[in-house]
Each structure stands twice: as structure tokens, then as C-alpha cells.
Protein backbone atom coordinates (compact mmCIF):
# COMPACT_ATOMS: atom_id res chain seq x y z
CA MET A 1 91.15 80.18 88.90
CA ILE A 2 92.90 83.33 90.90
CA ASP A 3 94.16 81.91 94.30
CA VAL A 4 95.64 84.59 97.37
CA ARG A 5 98.26 83.44 100.06
CA ASN A 6 99.62 84.88 102.50
CA LEU A 7 100.20 88.31 100.66
CA SER A 8 102.19 91.13 102.08
CA LYS A 9 103.27 94.87 100.84
CA ARG A 10 105.19 96.89 103.07
CA TYR A 11 106.37 100.17 101.55
CA GLY A 12 109.21 101.06 104.39
CA PRO A 13 107.21 101.26 107.58
CA ARG A 14 103.79 101.64 105.78
CA VAL A 15 102.37 97.82 105.44
CA ALA A 16 99.29 97.83 102.35
CA VAL A 17 98.61 94.01 101.69
CA ASP A 18 98.75 92.17 105.18
CA ASP A 19 98.78 88.86 105.00
CA LEU A 20 96.05 88.42 102.74
CA SER A 21 94.40 85.52 101.78
CA PHE A 22 91.65 84.61 99.21
CA THR A 23 90.17 82.42 96.39
CA VAL A 24 88.24 83.61 93.18
CA ALA A 25 86.39 80.97 91.86
CA PRO A 26 84.64 80.33 88.46
CA GLY A 27 81.40 81.20 87.45
CA ARG A 28 80.31 84.21 89.08
CA VAL A 29 81.12 87.70 89.32
CA THR A 30 83.37 88.10 92.87
CA GLY A 31 83.30 91.94 93.82
CA PHE A 32 85.85 93.71 95.61
CA VAL A 33 85.35 96.44 98.16
CA GLY A 34 87.13 98.26 100.86
CA PRO A 35 87.06 101.89 101.63
CA ASN A 36 90.33 103.92 99.89
CA GLY A 37 93.51 103.01 101.14
CA ALA A 38 92.08 99.75 101.93
CA GLY A 39 94.83 97.90 99.14
CA LYS A 40 92.79 97.16 96.44
CA SER A 41 94.73 98.36 93.54
CA THR A 42 98.41 97.50 95.55
CA THR A 43 96.63 93.33 95.33
CA LEU A 44 95.63 93.35 91.63
CA ARG A 45 98.87 95.26 90.78
CA MET A 46 100.33 92.23 92.43
CA LEU A 47 98.36 89.99 91.53
CA LEU A 48 99.50 91.13 87.34
CA GLY A 49 103.03 91.12 88.32
CA LEU A 50 103.51 94.89 87.95
CA ASP A 51 103.94 95.53 92.26
CA ARG A 52 106.49 92.71 93.89
CA PRO A 53 105.00 91.06 96.91
CA THR A 54 106.96 91.28 100.33
CA SER A 55 105.85 87.75 100.87
CA GLY A 56 103.19 85.63 99.92
CA ARG A 57 101.97 84.48 96.60
CA ALA A 58 99.03 86.03 93.85
CA MET A 59 98.23 83.27 91.21
CA ILE A 60 96.08 82.29 88.64
CA ASP A 61 95.65 79.30 87.65
CA GLY A 62 98.39 78.01 89.69
CA ARG A 63 101.12 80.32 87.44
CA PRO A 64 102.50 84.21 88.56
CA TYR A 65 101.89 86.26 85.96
CA ARG A 66 104.50 86.69 84.76
CA GLU A 67 105.09 82.75 84.32
CA LEU A 68 102.43 83.05 81.84
CA SER A 69 103.19 82.48 77.98
CA ARG A 70 100.50 85.24 76.11
CA PRO A 71 98.85 86.52 79.16
CA LEU A 72 95.80 87.91 76.96
CA HIS A 73 94.94 84.49 76.03
CA ARG A 74 94.56 83.32 80.19
CA ILE A 75 93.91 86.92 81.91
CA GLY A 76 91.62 90.20 81.31
CA ALA A 77 93.04 93.80 82.63
CA LEU A 78 92.13 97.00 83.57
CA LEU A 79 93.54 98.85 86.57
CA ASP A 80 93.36 102.38 84.42
CA ALA A 81 91.18 103.28 81.77
CA ALA A 82 92.63 107.03 81.12
CA ALA A 83 96.35 105.44 80.24
CA LEU A 84 95.88 105.65 76.72
CA HIS A 85 98.48 107.52 74.03
CA GLY A 86 96.29 110.63 72.98
CA GLY A 87 97.53 110.04 69.38
CA ARG A 88 96.67 106.74 68.45
CA ARG A 89 93.09 105.52 67.32
CA ALA A 90 91.40 103.01 68.69
CA ARG A 91 91.47 100.46 66.11
CA HIS A 92 95.69 100.82 66.63
CA HIS A 93 95.75 100.94 70.07
CA LEU A 94 93.69 97.14 70.10
CA LEU A 95 96.19 96.08 67.57
CA TRP A 96 99.45 96.38 68.89
CA GLN A 97 97.60 94.31 71.81
CA ALA A 98 96.46 91.71 69.89
CA HIS A 99 100.19 91.69 67.83
CA SER A 100 101.88 91.04 70.60
CA ASN A 101 99.89 88.03 71.91
CA ASP A 102 99.70 86.25 68.42
CA ILE A 103 95.59 87.33 68.58
CA PRO A 104 94.27 87.81 64.99
CA ALA A 105 93.22 91.20 63.54
CA ARG A 106 89.72 90.25 63.74
CA ARG A 107 89.07 89.93 67.37
CA VAL A 108 90.26 93.35 67.40
CA ASP A 109 87.39 94.15 65.33
CA GLU A 110 85.03 91.74 67.66
CA VAL A 111 85.69 93.50 70.95
CA LEU A 112 84.71 97.05 69.50
CA ASP A 113 81.76 95.74 68.51
CA LEU A 114 81.07 93.39 71.95
CA VAL A 115 82.06 97.24 73.51
CA GLY A 116 79.39 99.62 71.66
CA LEU A 117 82.76 100.93 69.77
CA ALA A 118 81.70 99.60 66.03
CA ASP A 119 82.06 103.19 65.12
CA ALA A 120 84.87 104.76 66.97
CA GLY A 121 87.76 102.55 66.00
CA HIS A 122 89.25 104.66 63.71
CA ARG A 123 88.80 107.70 66.44
CA ARG A 124 92.25 109.42 68.15
CA THR A 125 91.96 108.19 71.35
CA GLY A 126 92.76 111.17 73.19
CA GLY A 127 89.20 112.92 71.78
CA PHE A 128 87.62 109.87 74.60
CA SER A 129 85.38 110.88 76.67
CA LEU A 130 86.13 108.88 80.01
CA GLY A 131 83.31 106.27 79.46
CA MET A 132 84.32 105.94 75.93
CA ALA A 133 87.81 105.33 77.47
CA GLN A 134 86.79 102.62 79.94
CA ARG A 135 85.01 100.50 77.10
CA LEU A 136 88.17 100.80 75.56
CA GLY A 137 89.55 99.52 77.67
CA LEU A 138 87.19 96.53 78.81
CA ALA A 139 87.86 95.65 74.92
CA GLY A 140 90.93 94.96 75.06
CA ALA A 141 90.40 93.40 78.14
CA LEU A 142 88.27 90.76 76.58
CA LEU A 143 90.78 90.90 72.88
CA GLY A 144 92.30 87.13 74.00
CA ASP A 145 88.75 85.97 75.21
CA PRO A 146 90.21 84.70 78.32
CA PRO A 147 88.62 83.09 81.33
CA VAL A 148 89.84 85.00 84.03
CA LEU A 149 89.16 89.19 84.26
CA VAL A 150 90.08 91.28 86.26
CA LEU A 151 89.01 95.21 86.64
CA ASP A 152 89.33 97.99 88.54
CA GLU A 153 86.51 100.93 89.24
CA PRO A 154 85.13 99.92 85.26
CA VAL A 155 82.14 101.75 85.94
CA ASN A 156 83.63 104.80 85.99
CA GLY A 157 82.46 107.37 83.76
CA LEU A 158 79.82 105.75 82.12
CA ASP A 159 76.29 106.78 81.54
CA PRO A 160 72.98 104.61 83.59
CA GLN A 161 72.52 102.92 79.45
CA GLY A 162 76.18 101.80 80.06
CA VAL A 163 76.62 100.50 83.42
CA ARG A 164 73.43 98.65 83.09
CA TRP A 165 75.36 97.20 79.85
CA LEU A 166 77.82 96.24 81.36
CA ARG A 167 76.28 94.68 84.82
CA GLY A 168 74.72 92.42 82.73
CA LEU A 169 78.08 92.25 79.95
CA LEU A 170 79.79 91.06 83.38
CA ARG A 171 77.17 88.48 84.73
CA GLY A 172 76.89 86.73 81.25
CA LEU A 173 80.90 86.50 81.54
CA ALA A 174 80.41 84.53 84.80
CA ALA A 175 77.53 82.10 82.93
CA GLU A 176 80.32 81.33 81.03
CA GLY A 177 82.10 80.32 83.52
CA ARG A 178 84.52 82.66 83.29
CA THR A 179 86.90 83.60 87.12
CA VAL A 180 85.14 87.46 87.03
CA LEU A 181 86.90 90.58 89.86
CA VAL A 182 85.61 93.44 90.65
CA SER A 183 87.60 96.30 92.59
CA SER A 184 84.28 98.79 93.36
CA HIS A 185 83.31 101.54 95.91
CA LEU A 186 80.00 101.73 93.94
CA LEU A 187 78.27 98.95 96.99
CA THR A 188 74.90 99.40 95.87
CA GLU A 189 75.99 98.54 92.22
CA MET A 190 77.32 95.09 93.76
CA GLU A 191 75.05 94.67 95.49
CA LEU A 192 73.04 94.41 92.09
CA THR A 193 75.87 92.72 90.34
CA ALA A 194 78.26 90.77 92.55
CA ASP A 195 77.53 87.05 93.48
CA HIS A 196 79.98 87.32 95.93
CA LEU A 197 82.38 89.59 97.45
CA LEU A 198 85.63 90.27 99.24
CA VAL A 199 85.73 93.06 102.04
CA ILE A 200 89.46 94.30 103.35
CA GLY A 201 90.60 97.48 105.39
CA ARG A 202 93.69 97.86 105.95
CA GLY A 203 94.89 94.94 103.94
CA ARG A 204 93.54 92.86 105.59
CA LEU A 205 90.38 90.51 105.03
CA LEU A 206 87.22 91.53 106.53
CA ALA A 207 84.57 89.81 104.96
CA ASP A 208 84.65 86.43 102.22
CA GLY A 209 80.98 85.04 101.72
CA PRO A 210 77.71 85.29 99.35
CA VAL A 211 76.43 88.71 99.27
CA GLU A 212 73.36 88.52 100.66
CA GLU A 213 75.45 85.89 104.07
CA VAL A 214 77.51 90.09 104.32
CA VAL A 215 74.52 91.47 104.20
CA ALA A 216 73.68 89.15 106.53
CA ARG A 217 76.26 90.98 108.77
CA GLY A 218 75.62 93.90 109.04
CA GLY A 219 72.33 93.58 109.94
CA GLY A 220 69.95 92.34 107.16
CA GLY A 221 69.44 95.74 105.50
CA SER A 222 71.42 97.30 102.71
CA LEU A 223 75.06 96.08 101.44
CA GLU A 224 76.48 99.76 101.49
CA GLU A 225 75.56 99.60 105.34
CA ALA A 226 76.91 96.26 105.81
CA VAL A 227 80.77 97.24 104.60
CA LEU A 228 80.47 100.55 106.30
CA GLU A 229 80.48 98.66 109.45
CA LEU A 230 82.55 96.36 108.86
CA THR A 231 84.87 99.09 107.67
CA ALA A 232 84.29 101.52 109.86
CA GLY A 233 87.70 100.82 111.65
CA ALA A 234 89.18 100.98 108.19
CA VAL A 235 88.59 103.95 106.80
CA GLU A 236 92.06 106.48 105.39
CA TYR A 237 90.06 109.53 107.60
CA ARG A 238 86.41 110.26 109.00
CA GLY A 239 84.27 113.22 107.85
CA GLY A 240 83.14 115.61 109.81
CA PRO A 241 79.32 115.48 111.71
CA GLU A 242 76.75 114.66 110.80
CA VAL A 243 74.23 116.70 109.34
CA ARG A 244 70.40 116.72 110.46
CA ARG A 245 67.64 117.57 108.13
């Protein structure tokens, strides 16, 4: 389980995350949505021990990430699929991660096959498309067979077949009892994938509930309409006048 309590992060006078509290339960896909600058990525970075909170805490099964022994066995994460060493082969990229957490080498081949890269393990990642890089990032997140997964914009670069494949993968992992947290701007895809939704704006929690409940709060139309209504006062910028046809 992921438990965030009174989490705040300030950069000088700017408040990126403001007294944020929520729980991500196992057995379902939880979507994490909000406009640009809402604090989603900062929250995930604090959860994964990459940034220190100004106050509050972010816990995984009751412990902060920094205290986890062999963390890949507890939580798998994908934050930036493009952060690859272009000269390294895909299989070697995963092998050093596996070695660092005492994961057997055979698991590398298993996850490459799982994400559809079994025939690309020998290729250097510098020649990968964004979609292939995303699949490799997902392989890394699954490497330790973790009970908790945290994924930031995992469908970026995937073609329609890849998006459908990922949707089935995430729902299957949740059905196994895993905790799955997915941050995304693609609200139509979240409506198809997520069971539960966390909506934030300007670092504050705006909604926390089942997808159908969040949709109902927006008048019962689409999830996109509901989230846009909830976050209307929390956007970084506004577009020009509406174009009417």
C-alpha cells in the first residue's frame, strides 16, 4: 500500500505540493491526474526518495523508500523512459539493475518477453523509438516482480495496439492484488483503465474516489469533462478564445 500524509514541497516561495494526503490501495488501478504544474511528478519523486519533502511523509508498506532493502522487490517505477544510456544494449541495461537488487539474470529475459522486446534485447537503446523505450522502462519496473507499481505517463509513444496491451497489463497486475498508481494526462485512457482516481491541482487534492463517482461530480458526462471542471481554477495557463465552427 502507498500512504501519503500531509506531504508538502516548497521551492523557495513556490509551493509545489501542499499538505497532500491520500492512500493507494492494492487490487485496483489508481489514476493520478491533474493539469501541468499540479504537483504530480513532484509527489512521485518524493514517494521514490528522489526529492525530500518539506514536511509530511510518503510511505510504501509503512516505510519510506530510502529505508527499503532491495527496493526493486518492493516497488517498480517508471518516471522517464527516455533516460537511457544510448550505447548500452537493452538486456545489459536491465542486467545491471537486476544485479544491484539480487535478481536472477533469467528474470531479465522474462520481462523482455513480457513487454514484447524479446527480439530487441541485443539492440543498443540509442536506436530505440519512444515506444520501445517505454516498453523497456516497463520491463525495468517489473524486474523485481514488485507488489507496488508507480508509472508516470506510461503510454507515451505507444501505438494504439501498445496502448491496449498496456491497459490489459495494468488491469491484470491489479487483479493479482498489486498496488498500481498511474499518472497520466490522457483522461480518455484513464477512464478505460483506472478503477479509482486521485485528482490534484496546485498541489492540493481535489477528488479521491472511484472513476464513476468522479464523473458524476462533473455532471455525469465524461471523465475529461469532470476533471476539467474540477481543475478549472488550477491551470498554469489558459488558452485563447474558443474557436466555434
